[in-house]
Amino acid sequence: MNCRVVVEAAVPVYDVETPDEAIRIAISKTGEMLNPDLNYVEINMGKRTSPSGEELPPAFIAADEALVALELEMTVFNVEREEHASRIARKEIGQRLRNIPLDVLEIEVLEDEDDDDESEDDTDEETEATDENEAAEDEAEVGTEDSDETSTEETATDSEGSSDADDSSDTDTRPNAADDSPDDDVLPEFEELIDE
């Protein structure tokens, strides 16, 4: 399974005066440490709240030094459990961000793309089967119309032939009577047995 892991990092920044400046520097500093190896990690501002529930800026400044809360988000592929994904994310990010405390905030299991692809393939196959069935039905309808026209023509020809037969009164129109004999239906291998 694949998991999206969000890790909170407490990044120290020095010689800053405002929270916005501290956040910009912290994001830049973190990006430099993660690139180029972990350039797929998304860096976002963290969310902090006071004990009373009031939202606070992600940067805490004291004596021109700041501690900035950042959320680092990455996707971990082919893991067995959520705990396994958490350990991999902490290890990968922790190797690049030395001496920066990390804490896993969230682990979200992602749906596998293979399952989506299989369901799309199934839908495509069902659509193709439906199209083939409709095409076969259309061909059957065309075939039925052709056979109706052919049978109408045959009926007309038969009626003309029957009037000709009435004109030639007692003439036998059948082929030779010998052709109707049962000997013609017998295979050559069995003729000897019949003669005996």
C-alpha atoms as a PDB file:
ATOM      1  CA  MET A   1       0.000   0.000   0.000  1.00  0.00           C
ATOM      2  CA  ASN A   2       0.995   3.629  -0.485  1.00  0.00           C
ATOM      3  CA  CYS A   3       0.793   6.262   2.269  1.00  0.00           C
ATOM      4  CA  ARG A   4       0.961  10.036   2.450  1.00  0.00           C
ATOM      5  CA  VAL A   5       2.896  11.050   5.557  1.00  0.00           C
ATOM      6  CA  VAL A   6       2.911  14.542   7.077  1.00  0.00           C
ATOM      7  CA  VAL A   7       5.859  15.296   9.384  1.00  0.00           C
ATOM      8  CA  GLU A   8       6.108  18.421  11.526  1.00  0.00           C
ATOM      9  CA  ALA A   9       9.539  20.030  11.783  1.00  0.00           C
ATOM     10  CA  ALA A  10      10.675  22.711  14.246  1.00  0.00           C
ATOM     11  CA  VAL A  11      13.185  24.765  12.235  1.00  0.00           C
ATOM     12  CA  PRO A  12      15.363  27.317  14.093  1.00  0.00           C
ATOM     13  CA  VAL A  13      16.023  30.634  12.315  1.00  0.00           C
ATOM     14  CA  TYR A  14      18.422  33.340  13.506  1.00  0.00           C
ATOM     15  CA  ASP A  15      18.525  37.145  13.163  1.00  0.00           C
ATOM     16  CA  VAL A  16      14.905  37.736  12.189  1.00  0.00           C
ATOM     17  CA  GLU A  17      12.474  40.441  13.251  1.00  0.00           C
ATOM     18  CA  THR A  18       9.016  39.380  11.922  1.00  0.00           C
ATOM     19  CA  PRO A  19       7.158  36.063  11.708  1.00  0.00           C
ATOM     20  CA  ASP A  20       6.802  36.371   7.915  1.00  0.00           C
ATOM     21  CA  GLU A  21      10.547  36.798   7.493  1.00  0.00           C
ATOM     22  CA  ALA A  22      11.179  33.807   9.771  1.00  0.00           C
ATOM     23  CA  ILE A  23       8.765  31.626   7.778  1.00  0.00           C
ATOM     24  CA  ARG A  24      10.360  32.596   4.427  1.00  0.00           C
ATOM     25  CA  ILE A  25      13.857  31.858   5.699  1.00  0.00           C
ATOM     26  CA  ALA A  26      12.788  28.559   7.313  1.00  0.00           C
ATOM     27  CA  ILE A  27      11.152  27.318   4.094  1.00  0.00           C
ATOM     28  CA  SER A  28      14.217  28.335   2.061  1.00  0.00           C
ATOM     29  CA  LYS A  29      16.625  26.722   4.535  1.00  0.00           C
ATOM     30  CA  THR A  30      14.599  23.484   4.631  1.00  0.00           C
ATOM     31  CA  GLY A  31      14.356  23.370   0.833  1.00  0.00           C
ATOM     32  CA  GLU A  32      18.124  23.701   0.514  1.00  0.00           C
ATOM     33  CA  MET A  33      18.670  20.816   2.949  1.00  0.00           C
ATOM     34  CA  LEU A  34      16.165  18.522   1.201  1.00  0.00           C
ATOM     35  CA  ASN A  35      17.217  19.231  -2.401  1.00  0.00           C
ATOM     36  CA  PRO A  36      18.190  17.558  -4.660  1.00  0.00           C
ATOM     37  CA  ASP A  37      17.673  14.168  -2.979  1.00  0.00           C
ATOM     38  CA  LEU A  38      14.183  14.811  -1.596  1.00  0.00           C
ATOM     39  CA  ASN A  39      12.852  17.419  -4.018  1.00  0.00           C
ATOM     40  CA  TYR A  40       9.482  15.595  -4.022  1.00  0.00           C
ATOM     41  CA  VAL A  41       8.803  16.557  -0.383  1.00  0.00           C
ATOM     42  CA  GLU A  42       6.233  19.347  -0.114  1.00  0.00           C
ATOM     43  CA  ILE A  43       6.998  22.101   2.421  1.00  0.00           C
ATOM     44  CA  ASN A  44       4.049  23.942   4.005  1.00  0.00           C
ATOM     45  CA  MET A  45       3.594  26.274   6.969  1.00  0.00           C
ATOM     46  CA  GLY A  46       2.598  24.477  10.138  1.00  0.00           C
ATOM     47  CA  LYS A  47      -0.515  25.222  12.158  1.00  0.00           C
ATOM     48  CA  ARG A  48      -0.232  26.209  15.804  1.00  0.00           C
ATOM     49  CA  THR A  49      -2.986  26.940  18.283  1.00  0.00           C
ATOM     50  CA  SER A  50      -2.983  28.271  21.799  1.00  0.00           C
ATOM     51  CA  PRO A  51      -4.447  26.197  24.666  1.00  0.00           C
ATOM     52  CA  SER A  52      -7.634  28.251  24.360  1.00  0.00           C
ATOM     53  CA  GLY A  53      -7.963  27.316  20.656  1.00  0.00           C
ATOM     54  CA  GLU A  54      -6.769  30.600  19.185  1.00  0.00           C
ATOM     55  CA  GLU A  55      -4.695  30.268  15.981  1.00  0.00           C
ATOM     56  CA  LEU A  56      -1.088  31.391  16.293  1.00  0.00           C
ATOM     57  CA  PRO A  57       1.447  32.166  13.554  1.00  0.00           C
ATOM     58  CA  PRO A  58       3.738  29.225  12.742  1.00  0.00           C
ATOM     59  CA  ALA A  59       6.790  31.201  13.911  1.00  0.00           C
ATOM     60  CA  PHE A  60       7.624  31.995  17.545  1.00  0.00           C
ATOM     61  CA  ILE A  61      10.145  34.851  17.872  1.00  0.00           C
ATOM     62  CA  ALA A  62      12.260  35.713  20.941  1.00  0.00           C
ATOM     63  CA  ALA A  63      15.473  37.756  21.056  1.00  0.00           C
ATOM     64  CA  ASP A  64      15.697  37.927  17.218  1.00  0.00           C
ATOM     65  CA  GLU A  65      15.620  34.140  16.990  1.00  0.00           C
ATOM     66  CA  ALA A  66      12.644  32.116  15.788  1.00  0.00           C
ATOM     67  CA  LEU A  67      11.371  28.594  15.922  1.00  0.00           C
ATOM     68  CA  VAL A  68       9.200  27.899  12.869  1.00  0.00           C
ATOM     69  CA  ALA A  69       6.712  25.033  12.568  1.00  0.00           C
ATOM     70  CA  LEU A  70       6.748  23.503   9.066  1.00  0.00           C
ATOM     71  CA  GLU A  71       4.806  20.557   7.691  1.00  0.00           C
ATOM     72  CA  LEU A  72       6.754  18.286   5.365  1.00  0.00           C
ATOM     73  CA  GLU A  73       4.586  16.013   3.249  1.00  0.00           C
ATOM     74  CA  MET A  74       5.806  13.011   1.284  1.00  0.00           C
ATOM     75  CA  THR A  75       4.343   9.846  -0.245  1.00  0.00           C
ATOM     76  CA  VAL A  76       5.833   6.501   0.749  1.00  0.00           C
ATOM     77  CA  PHE A  77       5.265   3.613  -1.674  1.00  0.00           C
ATOM     78  CA  ASN A  78       4.932  -0.156  -1.153  1.00  0.00           C
ATOM     79  CA  VAL A  79       4.733  -0.327   2.636  1.00  0.00           C
ATOM     80  CA  GLU A  80       3.121  -3.017   4.735  1.00  0.00           C
ATOM     81  CA  ARG A  81       1.730  -0.873   7.566  1.00  0.00           C
ATOM     82  CA  GLU A  82       1.215   2.770   8.455  1.00  0.00           C
ATOM     83  CA  GLU A  83       3.894   2.492  11.129  1.00  0.00           C
ATOM     84  CA  HIS A  84       6.364   1.330   8.472  1.00  0.00           C
ATOM     85  CA  ALA A  85       5.522   4.393   6.321  1.00  0.00           C
ATOM     86  CA  SER A  86       6.028   6.659   9.344  1.00  0.00           C
ATOM     87  CA  ARG A  87       9.477   5.235  10.055  1.00  0.00           C
ATOM     88  CA  ILE A  88      10.574   5.546   6.418  1.00  0.00           C
ATOM     89  CA  ALA A  89       9.439   9.200   6.194  1.00  0.00           C
ATOM     90  CA  ARG A  90      11.154  10.138   9.472  1.00  0.00           C
ATOM     91  CA  LYS A  91      14.373   8.418   8.407  1.00  0.00           C
ATOM     92  CA  GLU A  92      14.481   9.962   4.905  1.00  0.00           C
ATOM     93  CA  ILE A  93      13.695  13.484   6.104  1.00  0.00           C
ATOM     94  CA  GLY A  94      15.728  13.174   9.336  1.00  0.00           C
ATOM     95  CA  GLN A  95      18.913  12.247   7.431  1.00  0.00           C
ATOM     96  CA  ARG A  96      18.788  15.596   5.593  1.00  0.00           C
ATOM     97  CA  LEU A  97      17.509  17.796   8.424  1.00  0.00           C
ATOM     98  CA  ARG A  98      20.159  17.223  11.078  1.00  0.00           C
ATOM     99  CA  ASN A  99      19.467  18.533  14.600  1.00  0.00           C
ATOM    100  CA  ILE A 100      15.873  19.466  13.718  1.00  0.00           C
ATOM    101  CA  PRO A 101      13.146  17.795  15.796  1.00  0.00           C
ATOM    102  CA  LEU A 102      10.537  15.863  13.777  1.00  0.00           C
ATOM    103  CA  ASP A 103       7.111  14.558  14.716  1.00  0.00           C
ATOM    104  CA  VAL A 104       4.681  12.565  12.535  1.00  0.00           C
ATOM    105  CA  LEU A 105       1.335  14.389  12.390  1.00  0.00           C
ATOM    106  CA  GLU A 106      -0.705  12.400   9.910  1.00  0.00           C
ATOM    107  CA  ILE A 107      -0.590   9.181   7.904  1.00  0.00           C
ATOM    108  CA  GLU A 108      -3.125   8.755   5.104  1.00  0.00           C
ATOM    109  CA  VAL A 109      -3.476   5.515   3.146  1.00  0.00           C
ATOM    110  CA  LEU A 110      -3.766   6.206  -0.583  1.00  0.00           C
ATOM    111  CA  GLU A 111      -5.750   4.070  -2.993  1.00  0.00           C
ATOM    112  CA  ASP A 112      -3.518   2.051  -5.303  1.00  0.00           C
ATOM    113  CA  GLU A 113      -3.437   3.266  -8.898  1.00  0.00           C
ATOM    114  CA  ASP A 114      -3.397  -0.362 -10.050  1.00  0.00           C
ATOM    115  CA  ASP A 115      -6.883  -0.856  -8.587  1.00  0.00           C
ATOM    116  CA  ASP A 116      -8.062   2.273 -10.396  1.00  0.00           C
ATOM    117  CA  ASP A 117      -6.500   1.072 -13.631  1.00  0.00           C
ATOM    118  CA  GLU A 118      -8.127  -2.346 -13.274  1.00  0.00           C
ATOM    119  CA  SER A 119     -11.540  -0.806 -12.644  1.00  0.00           C
ATOM    120  CA  GLU A 120     -11.045   1.458 -15.684  1.00  0.00           C
ATOM    121  CA  ASP A 121     -10.020  -1.574 -17.761  1.00  0.00           C
ATOM    122  CA  ASP A 122     -13.128  -3.431 -16.589  1.00  0.00           C
ATOM    123  CA  THR A 123     -15.280  -0.461 -17.547  1.00  0.00           C
ATOM    124  CA  ASP A 124     -13.584  -0.258 -20.949  1.00  0.00           C
ATOM    125  CA  GLU A 125     -14.101  -3.988 -21.518  1.00  0.00           C
ATOM    126  CA  GLU A 126     -17.777  -3.698 -20.573  1.00  0.00           C
ATOM    127  CA  THR A 127     -18.171  -0.770 -22.970  1.00  0.00           C
ATOM    128  CA  GLU A 128     -16.457  -2.700 -25.763  1.00  0.00           C
ATOM    129  CA  ALA A 129     -18.647  -5.754 -25.101  1.00  0.00           C
ATOM    130  CA  THR A 130     -21.765  -3.574 -25.205  1.00  0.00           C
ATOM    131  CA  ASP A 131     -20.614  -1.995 -28.484  1.00  0.00           C
ATOM    132  CA  GLU A 132     -19.937  -5.433 -29.976  1.00  0.00           C
ATOM    133  CA  ASN A 133     -23.383  -6.676 -28.898  1.00  0.00           C
ATOM    134  CA  GLU A 134     -25.051  -3.635 -30.439  1.00  0.00           C
ATOM    135  CA  ALA A 135     -23.094  -4.140 -33.675  1.00  0.00           C
ATOM    136  CA  ALA A 136     -24.104  -7.821 -33.761  1.00  0.00           C
ATOM    137  CA  GLU A 137     -27.751  -6.875 -33.210  1.00  0.00           C
ATOM    138  CA  ASP A 138     -27.548  -4.299 -36.023  1.00  0.00           C
ATOM    139  CA  GLU A 139     -26.049  -6.916 -38.358  1.00  0.00           C
ATOM    140  CA  ALA A 140     -28.759  -9.402 -37.361  1.00  0.00           C
ATOM    141  CA  GLU A 141     -31.454  -6.835 -38.151  1.00  0.00           C
ATOM    142  CA  VAL A 142     -29.880  -6.115 -41.556  1.00  0.00           C
ATOM    143  CA  GLY A 143     -29.609  -9.877 -42.185  1.00  0.00           C
ATOM    144  CA  THR A 144     -33.302 -10.326 -41.296  1.00  0.00           C
ATOM    145  CA  GLU A 145     -34.326  -7.580 -43.710  1.00  0.00           C
ATOM    146  CA  ASP A 146     -32.216  -9.168 -46.486  1.00  0.00           C
ATOM    147  CA  SER A 147     -33.696 -12.598 -45.834  1.00  0.00           C
ATOM    148  CA  ASP A 148     -37.220 -11.123 -45.905  1.00  0.00           C
ATOM    149  CA  GLU A 149     -36.509  -9.538 -49.283  1.00  0.00           C
ATOM    150  CA  THR A 150     -34.978 -12.783 -50.583  1.00  0.00           C
ATOM    151  CA  SER A 151     -37.932 -14.883 -49.396  1.00  0.00           C
ATOM    152  CA  THR A 152     -40.336 -12.438 -51.062  1.00  0.00           C
ATOM    153  CA  GLU A 153     -38.426 -12.803 -54.337  1.00  0.00           C
ATOM    154  CA  GLU A 154     -38.402 -16.593 -53.985  1.00  0.00           C
ATOM    155  CA  THR A 155     -42.151 -16.608 -53.359  1.00  0.00           C
ATOM    156  CA  ALA A 156     -42.714 -14.555 -56.481  1.00  0.00           C
ATOM    157  CA  THR A 157     -40.503 -16.917 -58.517  1.00  0.00           C
ATOM    158  CA  ASP A 158     -42.295 -19.974 -57.074  1.00  0.00           C
ATOM    159  CA  SER A 159     -45.690 -18.573 -57.995  1.00  0.00           C
ATOM    160  CA  GLU A 160     -44.477 -17.969 -61.574  1.00  0.00           C
ATOM    161  CA  GLY A 161     -43.033 -21.481 -61.683  1.00  0.00           C
ATOM    162  CA  SER A 162     -46.279 -23.015 -60.427  1.00  0.00           C
ATOM    163  CA  SER A 163     -48.299 -21.286 -63.161  1.00  0.00           C
ATOM    164  CA  ASP A 164     -45.850 -22.695 -65.746  1.00  0.00           C
ATOM    165  CA  ALA A 165     -46.250 -26.123 -64.194  1.00  0.00           C
ATOM    166  CA  ASP A 166     -50.033 -25.879 -64.508  1.00  0.00           C
ATOM    167  CA  ASP A 167     -49.648 -25.108 -68.195  1.00  0.00           C
ATOM    168  CA  SER A 168     -47.639 -28.280 -68.831  1.00  0.00           C
ATOM    169  CA  SER A 169     -50.281 -30.612 -67.567  1.00  0.00           C
ATOM    170  CA  ASP A 170     -49.099 -34.156 -66.885  1.00  0.00           C
ATOM    171  CA  THR A 171     -45.394 -33.732 -67.457  1.00  0.00           C
ATOM    172  CA  ASP A 172     -43.202 -35.065 -64.632  1.00  0.00           C
ATOM    173  CA  THR A 173     -40.783 -32.283 -63.741  1.00  0.00           C
ATOM    174  CA  ARG A 174     -38.746 -34.408 -61.344  1.00  0.00           C
ATOM    175  CA  PRO A 175     -35.359 -35.669 -62.442  1.00  0.00           C
ATOM    176  CA  ASN A 176     -34.874 -39.323 -63.264  1.00  0.00           C
ATOM    177  CA  ALA A 177     -36.512 -41.738 -60.903  1.00  0.00           C
ATOM    178  CA  ALA A 178     -33.168 -43.519 -60.658  1.00  0.00           C
ATOM    179  CA  ASP A 179     -31.723 -40.488 -58.876  1.00  0.00           C
ATOM    180  CA  ASP A 180     -34.214 -40.986 -56.028  1.00  0.00           C
ATOM    181  CA  SER A 181     -33.202 -44.618 -55.544  1.00  0.00           C
ATOM    182  CA  PRO A 182     -31.797 -45.535 -52.169  1.00  0.00           C
ATOM    183  CA  ASP A 183     -28.554 -46.789 -53.788  1.00  0.00           C
ATOM    184  CA  ASP A 184     -27.349 -43.203 -54.293  1.00  0.00           C
ATOM    185  CA  ASP A 185     -27.389 -42.558 -50.570  1.00  0.00           C
ATOM    186  CA  VAL A 186     -25.133 -45.565 -49.809  1.00  0.00           C
ATOM    187  CA  LEU A 187     -21.420 -45.114 -49.404  1.00  0.00           C
ATOM    188  CA  PRO A 188     -19.236 -47.062 -51.858  1.00  0.00           C
ATOM    189  CA  GLU A 189     -17.709 -49.160 -49.071  1.00  0.00           C
ATOM    190  CA  PHE A 190     -21.124 -50.583 -48.189  1.00  0.00           C
ATOM    191  CA  GLU A 191     -22.343 -51.273 -51.726  1.00  0.00           C
ATOM    192  CA  GLU A 192     -20.770 -54.745 -51.668  1.00  0.00           C
ATOM    193  CA  LEU A 193     -22.698 -55.631 -48.522  1.00  0.00           C
ATOM    194  CA  ILE A 194     -25.986 -54.509 -50.058  1.00  0.00           C
ATOM    195  CA  ASP A 195     -25.357 -56.486 -53.264  1.00  0.00           C
ATOM    196  CA  GLU A 196     -24.865 -59.660 -51.228  1.00  0.00           C
END
